[in-house]
Amino acid sequence: MGELRWQCCRCGWVYDPIEEKHEKKYNRFEDLPKDYTCRRCGATKNQFRQVEAL
């Protein structure tokens, strides 16, 4: 089973905790602030869904 990532339901951009390690404070998606938005389209955090990495 792979690591869980979070995909934006609006544009498909994927938040991958492994790629986001430089943001140590917010490495896990669950730890991101409630007002976090998609880097690509600005969708809110609740518009992401969990997906499994291949």
PDB file of N, CA and C in Angstrom:
ATOM      1  N   MET A   1       0.840  -1.178   0.000  1.00  0.00           N
ATOM      2  CA  MET A   1       0.000   0.000   0.000  1.00  0.00           C
ATOM      3  C   MET A   1       0.886   1.243   0.000  1.00  0.00           C
ATOM      4  N   GLY A   2       0.586   2.195  -0.861  1.00  0.00           N
ATOM      5  CA  GLY A   2       1.389   3.395  -0.973  1.00  0.00           C
ATOM      6  C   GLY A   2       0.985   4.460   0.033  1.00  0.00           C
ATOM      7  N   GLU A   3       1.718   5.536   0.016  1.00  0.00           N
ATOM      8  CA  GLU A   3       1.415   6.674   0.885  1.00  0.00           C
ATOM      9  C   GLU A   3       0.147   7.369   0.397  1.00  0.00           C
ATOM     10  N   LEU A   4      -0.610   7.933   1.326  1.00  0.00           N
ATOM     11  CA  LEU A   4      -1.797   8.689   0.951  1.00  0.00           C
ATOM     12  C   LEU A   4      -1.409  10.090   0.530  1.00  0.00           C
ATOM     13  N   ARG A   5      -2.024  10.540  -0.543  1.00  0.00           N
ATOM     14  CA  ARG A   5      -1.854  11.897  -1.026  1.00  0.00           C
ATOM     15  C   ARG A   5      -3.243  12.503  -1.106  1.00  0.00           C
ATOM     16  N   TRP A   6      -3.326  13.791  -1.361  1.00  0.00           N
ATOM     17  CA  TRP A   6      -4.603  14.486  -1.427  1.00  0.00           C
ATOM     18  C   TRP A   6      -4.724  15.179  -2.778  1.00  0.00           C
ATOM     19  N   GLN A   7      -5.820  14.920  -3.490  1.00  0.00           N
ATOM     20  CA  GLN A   7      -6.020  15.467  -4.825  1.00  0.00           C
ATOM     21  C   GLN A   7      -7.139  16.499  -4.815  1.00  0.00           C
ATOM     22  N   CYS A   8      -6.895  17.618  -5.467  1.00  0.00           N
ATOM     23  CA  CYS A   8      -7.904  18.657  -5.600  1.00  0.00           C
ATOM     24  C   CYS A   8      -9.000  18.170  -6.551  1.00  0.00           C
ATOM     25  N   CYS A   9     -10.225  18.246  -6.105  1.00  0.00           N
ATOM     26  CA  CYS A   9     -11.347  17.774  -6.924  1.00  0.00           C
ATOM     27  C   CYS A   9     -11.678  18.742  -8.059  1.00  0.00           C
ATOM     28  N   ARG A  10     -11.204  19.972  -7.978  1.00  0.00           N
ATOM     29  CA  ARG A  10     -11.482  20.952  -9.035  1.00  0.00           C
ATOM     30  C   ARG A  10     -10.497  20.859 -10.194  1.00  0.00           C
ATOM     31  N   CYS A  11      -9.187  20.778  -9.888  1.00  0.00           N
ATOM     32  CA  CYS A  11      -8.196  20.836 -10.977  1.00  0.00           C
ATOM     33  C   CYS A  11      -7.312  19.600 -11.084  1.00  0.00           C
ATOM     34  N   GLY A  12      -7.324  18.736 -10.067  1.00  0.00           N
ATOM     35  CA  GLY A  12      -6.528  17.512 -10.127  1.00  0.00           C
ATOM     36  C   GLY A  12      -5.137  17.617  -9.540  1.00  0.00           C
ATOM     37  N   TRP A  13      -4.721  18.815  -9.081  1.00  0.00           N
ATOM     38  CA  TRP A  13      -3.400  18.955  -8.476  1.00  0.00           C
ATOM     39  C   TRP A  13      -3.314  18.075  -7.240  1.00  0.00           C
ATOM     40  N   VAL A  14      -2.152  17.478  -6.988  1.00  0.00           N
ATOM     41  CA  VAL A  14      -1.994  16.546  -5.878  1.00  0.00           C
ATOM     42  C   VAL A  14      -1.024  17.109  -4.841  1.00  0.00           C
ATOM     43  N   TYR A  15      -1.493  17.135  -3.588  1.00  0.00           N
ATOM     44  CA  TYR A  15      -0.639  17.474  -2.455  1.00  0.00           C
ATOM     45  C   TYR A  15       0.001  16.176  -1.999  1.00  0.00           C
ATOM     46  N   ASP A  16       1.318  16.092  -2.161  1.00  0.00           N
ATOM     47  CA  ASP A  16       2.067  14.895  -1.785  1.00  0.00           C
ATOM     48  C   ASP A  16       2.945  15.231  -0.589  1.00  0.00           C
ATOM     49  N   PRO A  17       2.667  14.640   0.575  1.00  0.00           N
ATOM     50  CA  PRO A  17       3.438  14.970   1.777  1.00  0.00           C
ATOM     51  C   PRO A  17       4.941  14.764   1.613  1.00  0.00           C
ATOM     52  N   ILE A  18       5.341  13.807   0.824  1.00  0.00           N
ATOM     53  CA  ILE A  18       6.771  13.547   0.616  1.00  0.00           C
ATOM     54  C   ILE A  18       7.411  14.709  -0.140  1.00  0.00           C
ATOM     55  N   GLU A  19       6.716  15.240  -1.134  1.00  0.00           N
ATOM     56  CA  GLU A  19       7.243  16.373  -1.895  1.00  0.00           C
ATOM     57  C   GLU A  19       7.187  17.671  -1.100  1.00  0.00           C
ATOM     58  N   GLU A  20       6.362  17.732  -0.089  1.00  0.00           N
ATOM     59  CA  GLU A  20       6.182  18.949   0.699  1.00  0.00           C
ATOM     60  C   GLU A  20       7.012  18.947   1.981  1.00  0.00           C
ATOM     61  N   LYS A  21       8.020  18.095   2.074  1.00  0.00           N
ATOM     62  CA  LYS A  21       8.813  17.977   3.304  1.00  0.00           C
ATOM     63  C   LYS A  21       9.489  19.280   3.701  1.00  0.00           C
ATOM     64  N   HIS A  22       9.779  20.159   2.755  1.00  0.00           N
ATOM     65  CA  HIS A  22      10.419  21.426   3.095  1.00  0.00           C
ATOM     66  C   HIS A  22       9.516  22.300   3.953  1.00  0.00           C
ATOM     67  N   GLU A  23       8.208  22.048   3.923  1.00  0.00           N
ATOM     68  CA  GLU A  23       7.264  22.759   4.785  1.00  0.00           C
ATOM     69  C   GLU A  23       7.042  21.906   6.031  1.00  0.00           C
ATOM     70  N   LYS A  24       8.072  21.733   6.816  1.00  0.00           N
ATOM     71  CA  LYS A  24       8.045  20.788   7.933  1.00  0.00           C
ATOM     72  C   LYS A  24       6.875  21.013   8.877  1.00  0.00           C
ATOM     73  N   LYS A  25       6.498  22.245   9.086  1.00  0.00           N
ATOM     74  CA  LYS A  25       5.398  22.538   9.994  1.00  0.00           C
ATOM     75  C   LYS A  25       4.091  21.913   9.494  1.00  0.00           C
ATOM     76  N   TYR A  26       3.923  21.850   8.190  1.00  0.00           N
ATOM     77  CA  TYR A  26       2.673  21.373   7.607  1.00  0.00           C
ATOM     78  C   TYR A  26       2.889  20.198   6.669  1.00  0.00           C
ATOM     79  N   ASN A  27       3.760  19.277   7.006  1.00  0.00           N
ATOM     80  CA  ASN A  27       4.038  18.159   6.127  1.00  0.00           C
ATOM     81  C   ASN A  27       2.789  17.321   5.852  1.00  0.00           C
ATOM     82  N   ARG A  28       2.022  17.022   6.881  1.00  0.00           N
ATOM     83  CA  ARG A  28       0.811  16.223   6.698  1.00  0.00           C
ATOM     84  C   ARG A  28      -0.347  17.125   6.294  1.00  0.00           C
ATOM     85  N   PHE A  29      -1.160  16.652   5.354  1.00  0.00           N
ATOM     86  CA  PHE A  29      -2.294  17.443   4.879  1.00  0.00           C
ATOM     87  C   PHE A  29      -3.221  17.814   6.028  1.00  0.00           C
ATOM     88  N   GLU A  30      -3.419  16.900   6.948  1.00  0.00           N
ATOM     89  CA  GLU A  30      -4.315  17.122   8.077  1.00  0.00           C
ATOM     90  C   GLU A  30      -3.843  18.287   8.955  1.00  0.00           C
ATOM     91  N   ASP A  31      -2.545  18.575   8.925  1.00  0.00           N
ATOM     92  CA  ASP A  31      -1.979  19.639   9.755  1.00  0.00           C
ATOM     93  C   ASP A  31      -1.988  21.005   9.074  1.00  0.00           C
ATOM     94  N   LEU A  32      -2.369  21.053   7.819  1.00  0.00           N
ATOM     95  CA  LEU A  32      -2.430  22.334   7.123  1.00  0.00           C
ATOM     96  C   LEU A  32      -3.516  23.203   7.745  1.00  0.00           C
ATOM     97  N   PRO A  33      -3.364  24.525   7.691  1.00  0.00           N
ATOM     98  CA  PRO A  33      -4.394  25.398   8.262  1.00  0.00           C
ATOM     99  C   PRO A  33      -5.741  25.209   7.554  1.00  0.00           C
ATOM    100  N   LYS A  34      -6.812  25.517   8.260  1.00  0.00           N
ATOM    101  CA  LYS A  34      -8.160  25.355   7.694  1.00  0.00           C
ATOM    102  C   LYS A  34      -8.370  26.208   6.456  1.00  0.00           C
ATOM    103  N   ASP A  35      -7.652  27.320   6.351  1.00  0.00           N
ATOM    104  CA  ASP A  35      -7.817  28.204   5.189  1.00  0.00           C
ATOM    105  C   ASP A  35      -6.846  27.877   4.044  1.00  0.00           C
ATOM    106  N   TYR A  36      -6.211  26.699   4.102  1.00  0.00           N
ATOM    107  CA  TYR A  36      -5.306  26.267   3.021  1.00  0.00           C
ATOM    108  C   TYR A  36      -6.078  26.205   1.707  1.00  0.00           C
ATOM    109  N   THR A  37      -5.434  26.609   0.620  1.00  0.00           N
ATOM    110  CA  THR A  37      -6.056  26.534  -0.703  1.00  0.00           C
ATOM    111  C   THR A  37      -5.110  25.872  -1.695  1.00  0.00           C
ATOM    112  N   CYS A  38      -5.671  25.313  -2.726  1.00  0.00           N
ATOM    113  CA  CYS A  38      -4.913  24.655  -3.795  1.00  0.00           C
ATOM    114  C   CYS A  38      -3.977  25.658  -4.457  1.00  0.00           C
ATOM    115  N   ARG A  39      -2.761  25.247  -4.674  1.00  0.00           N
ATOM    116  CA  ARG A  39      -1.769  26.121  -5.317  1.00  0.00           C
ATOM    117  C   ARG A  39      -2.123  26.440  -6.758  1.00  0.00           C
ATOM    118  N   ARG A  40      -2.822  25.555  -7.395  1.00  0.00           N
ATOM    119  CA  ARG A  40      -3.119  25.727  -8.810  1.00  0.00           C
ATOM    120  C   ARG A  40      -4.404  26.525  -9.054  1.00  0.00           C
ATOM    121  N   CYS A  41      -5.487  26.184  -8.344  1.00  0.00           N
ATOM    122  CA  CYS A  41      -6.776  26.799  -8.681  1.00  0.00           C
ATOM    123  C   CYS A  41      -7.446  27.549  -7.535  1.00  0.00           C
ATOM    124  N   GLY A  42      -6.889  27.456  -6.331  1.00  0.00           N
ATOM    125  CA  GLY A  42      -7.458  28.178  -5.200  1.00  0.00           C
ATOM    126  C   GLY A  42      -8.599  27.464  -4.494  1.00  0.00           C
ATOM    127  N   ALA A  43      -8.840  26.202  -4.819  1.00  0.00           N
ATOM    128  CA  ALA A  43      -9.905  25.443  -4.149  1.00  0.00           C
ATOM    129  C   ALA A  43      -9.602  25.330  -2.655  1.00  0.00           C
ATOM    130  N   THR A  44     -10.654  25.286  -1.855  1.00  0.00           N
ATOM    131  CA  THR A  44     -10.474  25.188  -0.411  1.00  0.00           C
ATOM    132  C   THR A  44     -10.058  23.778  -0.002  1.00  0.00           C
ATOM    133  N   LYS A  45      -9.546  23.672   1.217  1.00  0.00           N
ATOM    134  CA  LYS A  45      -9.030  22.401   1.729  1.00  0.00           C
ATOM    135  C   LYS A  45     -10.079  21.295   1.697  1.00  0.00           C
ATOM    136  N   ASN A  46     -11.340  21.634   1.920  1.00  0.00           N
ATOM    137  CA  ASN A  46     -12.384  20.606   1.941  1.00  0.00           C
ATOM    138  C   ASN A  46     -12.757  20.122   0.535  1.00  0.00           C
ATOM    139  N   GLN A  47     -12.122  20.666  -0.494  1.00  0.00           N
ATOM    140  CA  GLN A  47     -12.356  20.216  -1.858  1.00  0.00           C
ATOM    141  C   GLN A  47     -11.270  19.243  -2.334  1.00  0.00           C
ATOM    142  N   PHE A  48     -10.521  18.691  -1.395  1.00  0.00           N
ATOM    143  CA  PHE A  48      -9.509  17.679  -1.687  1.00  0.00           C
ATOM    144  C   PHE A  48     -10.027  16.317  -1.239  1.00  0.00           C
ATOM    145  N   ARG A  49      -9.554  15.277  -1.908  1.00  0.00           N
ATOM    146  CA  ARG A  49      -9.912  13.912  -1.499  1.00  0.00           C
ATOM    147  C   ARG A  49      -8.636  13.087  -1.416  1.00  0.00           C
ATOM    148  N   GLN A  50      -8.657  12.077  -0.558  1.00  0.00           N
ATOM    149  CA  GLN A  50      -7.487  11.209  -0.407  1.00  0.00           C
ATOM    150  C   GLN A  50      -7.360  10.287  -1.606  1.00  0.00           C
ATOM    151  N   VAL A  51      -6.137  10.137  -2.081  1.00  0.00           N
ATOM    152  CA  VAL A  51      -5.826   9.174  -3.147  1.00  0.00           C
ATOM    153  C   VAL A  51      -4.573   8.426  -2.747  1.00  0.00           C
ATOM    154  N   GLU A  52      -4.442   7.211  -3.187  1.00  0.00           N
ATOM    155  CA  GLU A  52      -3.264   6.411  -2.854  1.00  0.00           C
ATOM    156  C   GLU A  52      -2.202   6.599  -3.930  1.00  0.00           C
ATOM    157  N   ALA A  53      -0.980   6.805  -3.492  1.00  0.00           N
ATOM    158  CA  ALA A  53       0.153   6.945  -4.427  1.00  0.00           C
ATOM    159  C   ALA A  53       0.431   5.580  -5.050  1.00  0.00           C
ATOM    160  N   LEU A  54       0.840   5.604  -6.290  1.00  0.00           N
ATOM    161  CA  LEU A  54       1.171   4.352  -6.987  1.00  0.00           C
ATOM    162  C   LEU A  54       2.548   3.876  -6.615  1.00  0.00           C
TER     163      LEU A  54
END
